[in-house]
Amino acid sequence: NETLVLSVLKTLQLLACAPGYVSNRRNQETIAKYDGVTIMVALMFHAKSEIVQVEAAQALACVGLINPRCASIIENTLEFSYDHLFSL
């Protein structure tokens, strides 16, 4: 269900960074620890809905915000590519 996926992605964005883009390191690392990054990268590349792809990319940005460890996990995820972001 697209609405459910969008709600989950929005929730992950808010958990990873508060309004005003204030990062929450503990939540960012918890999301990364439980394979949230892998799932979001897969959604960014393979979701049929473009809005889901964009929201997944936004959630990844929140997870990696001011957190080099999480940013490194995102960059090293098998399918991740910055080039794909430009096509969204």
C-alpha atoms as a PDB file:
ATOM      1  CA  ASN A   1       0.000   0.000   0.000  1.00  0.00           C
ATOM      2  CA  GLU A   2       1.617   3.232  -1.191  1.00  0.00           C
ATOM      3  CA  THR A   3       0.027   5.359   1.532  1.00  0.00           C
ATOM      4  CA  LEU A   4       1.444   3.111   4.242  1.00  0.00           C
ATOM      5  CA  VAL A   5       4.937   3.176   2.721  1.00  0.00           C
ATOM      6  CA  LEU A   6       4.824   6.974   2.451  1.00  0.00           C
ATOM      7  CA  SER A   7       3.721   7.242   6.086  1.00  0.00           C
ATOM      8  CA  VAL A   8       6.578   5.011   7.227  1.00  0.00           C
ATOM      9  CA  LEU A   9       9.120   7.000   5.212  1.00  0.00           C
ATOM     10  CA  LYS A  10       7.827  10.308   6.635  1.00  0.00           C
ATOM     11  CA  THR A  11       8.018   8.852  10.147  1.00  0.00           C
ATOM     12  CA  LEU A  12      11.605   7.710   9.590  1.00  0.00           C
ATOM     13  CA  GLN A  13      12.470  11.194   8.341  1.00  0.00           C
ATOM     14  CA  LEU A  14      11.067  12.754  11.514  1.00  0.00           C
ATOM     15  CA  LEU A  15      12.829  10.215  13.733  1.00  0.00           C
ATOM     16  CA  ALA A  16      16.176  10.808  12.002  1.00  0.00           C
ATOM     17  CA  CYS A  17      15.985  14.589  12.002  1.00  0.00           C
ATOM     18  CA  ALA A  18      13.641  16.906  13.819  1.00  0.00           C
ATOM     19  CA  PRO A  19      11.969  19.903  12.196  1.00  0.00           C
ATOM     20  CA  GLY A  20      14.634  22.390  11.218  1.00  0.00           C
ATOM     21  CA  TYR A  21      16.847  19.489  10.118  1.00  0.00           C
ATOM     22  CA  VAL A  22      18.326  18.872  13.569  1.00  0.00           C
ATOM     23  CA  SER A  23      19.794  15.389  13.376  1.00  0.00           C
ATOM     24  CA  ASN A  24      19.109  12.734  16.005  1.00  0.00           C
ATOM     25  CA  ARG A  25      22.236  10.569  15.990  1.00  0.00           C
ATOM     26  CA  ARG A  26      20.785   7.800  18.153  1.00  0.00           C
ATOM     27  CA  ASN A  27      17.762   7.336  15.887  1.00  0.00           C
ATOM     28  CA  GLN A  28      19.886   7.600  12.737  1.00  0.00           C
ATOM     29  CA  GLU A  29      22.164   4.822  13.936  1.00  0.00           C
ATOM     30  CA  THR A  30      19.235   2.661  15.040  1.00  0.00           C
ATOM     31  CA  ILE A  31      17.675   2.954  11.582  1.00  0.00           C
ATOM     32  CA  ALA A  32      21.001   1.984   9.990  1.00  0.00           C
ATOM     33  CA  LYS A  33      21.556  -0.868  12.463  1.00  0.00           C
ATOM     34  CA  TYR A  34      18.266  -2.558  11.577  1.00  0.00           C
ATOM     35  CA  ASP A  35      18.784  -2.416   7.770  1.00  0.00           C
ATOM     36  CA  GLY A  36      16.582   0.616   7.215  1.00  0.00           C
ATOM     37  CA  VAL A  37      19.181   2.043   4.843  1.00  0.00           C
ATOM     38  CA  THR A  38      19.126  -1.046   2.627  1.00  0.00           C
ATOM     39  CA  ILE A  39      15.343  -0.962   2.415  1.00  0.00           C
ATOM     40  CA  MET A  40      15.238   2.767   1.657  1.00  0.00           C
ATOM     41  CA  VAL A  41      17.880   2.428  -1.077  1.00  0.00           C
ATOM     42  CA  ALA A  42      15.840  -0.398  -2.611  1.00  0.00           C
ATOM     43  CA  LEU A  43      12.710   1.772  -2.498  1.00  0.00           C
ATOM     44  CA  MET A  44      14.590   4.693  -4.028  1.00  0.00           C
ATOM     45  CA  PHE A  45      15.579   2.552  -7.010  1.00  0.00           C
ATOM     46  CA  HIS A  46      12.765   0.052  -7.451  1.00  0.00           C
ATOM     47  CA  ALA A  47       9.506   1.565  -6.201  1.00  0.00           C
ATOM     48  CA  LYS A  48       6.959   1.938  -8.982  1.00  0.00           C
ATOM     49  CA  SER A  49       5.774   5.261  -7.603  1.00  0.00           C
ATOM     50  CA  GLU A  50       8.059   8.235  -8.165  1.00  0.00           C
ATOM     51  CA  ILE A  51       6.798   9.901  -4.973  1.00  0.00           C
ATOM     52  CA  VAL A  52       7.903   6.839  -2.961  1.00  0.00           C
ATOM     53  CA  GLN A  53      11.322   7.042  -4.629  1.00  0.00           C
ATOM     54  CA  VAL A  54      11.625  10.724  -3.708  1.00  0.00           C
ATOM     55  CA  GLU A  55      10.477  10.189  -0.112  1.00  0.00           C
ATOM     56  CA  ALA A  56      12.947   7.309   0.269  1.00  0.00           C
ATOM     57  CA  ALA A  57      15.736   9.601  -0.964  1.00  0.00           C
ATOM     58  CA  GLN A  58      14.627  12.290   1.496  1.00  0.00           C
ATOM     59  CA  ALA A  59      14.591   9.752   4.344  1.00  0.00           C
ATOM     60  CA  LEU A  60      18.119   8.646   3.400  1.00  0.00           C
ATOM     61  CA  ALA A  61      19.232  12.273   3.468  1.00  0.00           C
ATOM     62  CA  CYS A  62      17.831  12.605   6.987  1.00  0.00           C
ATOM     63  CA  VAL A  63      19.570   9.417   8.135  1.00  0.00           C
ATOM     64  CA  GLY A  64      22.924  10.620   6.791  1.00  0.00           C
ATOM     65  CA  LEU A  65      22.586  14.240   7.945  1.00  0.00           C
ATOM     66  CA  ILE A  66      25.661  15.277   9.980  1.00  0.00           C
ATOM     67  CA  ASN A  67      26.461  11.620  10.652  1.00  0.00           C
ATOM     68  CA  PRO A  68      29.513  10.395   8.731  1.00  0.00           C
ATOM     69  CA  ARG A  69      29.040   6.791   9.885  1.00  0.00           C
ATOM     70  CA  CYS A  70      25.492   6.587   8.523  1.00  0.00           C
ATOM     71  CA  ALA A  71      26.452   8.500   5.381  1.00  0.00           C
ATOM     72  CA  SER A  72      29.189   5.929   4.765  1.00  0.00           C
ATOM     73  CA  ILE A  73      26.707   3.069   5.206  1.00  0.00           C
ATOM     74  CA  ILE A  74      24.393   4.714   2.664  1.00  0.00           C
ATOM     75  CA  GLU A  75      27.189   5.286   0.143  1.00  0.00           C
ATOM     76  CA  ASN A  76      28.424   1.702   0.471  1.00  0.00           C
ATOM     77  CA  THR A  77      25.026   0.091   0.026  1.00  0.00           C
ATOM     78  CA  LEU A  78      25.274  -2.064  -3.084  1.00  0.00           C
ATOM     79  CA  GLU A  79      22.901  -0.203  -5.399  1.00  0.00           C
ATOM     80  CA  PHE A  80      23.288   3.354  -4.096  1.00  0.00           C
ATOM     81  CA  SER A  81      24.288   5.995  -6.633  1.00  0.00           C
ATOM     82  CA  TYR A  82      24.152   9.775  -6.448  1.00  0.00           C
ATOM     83  CA  ASP A  83      23.455   9.818 -10.192  1.00  0.00           C
ATOM     84  CA  HIS A  84      20.042   8.286  -9.583  1.00  0.00           C
ATOM     85  CA  LEU A  85      19.121  11.186  -7.296  1.00  0.00           C
ATOM     86  CA  PHE A  86      19.445  13.637 -10.164  1.00  0.00           C
ATOM     87  CA  SER A  87      16.893  11.747 -12.224  1.00  0.00           C
ATOM     88  CA  LEU A  88      14.244  11.976  -9.483  1.00  0.00           C
END
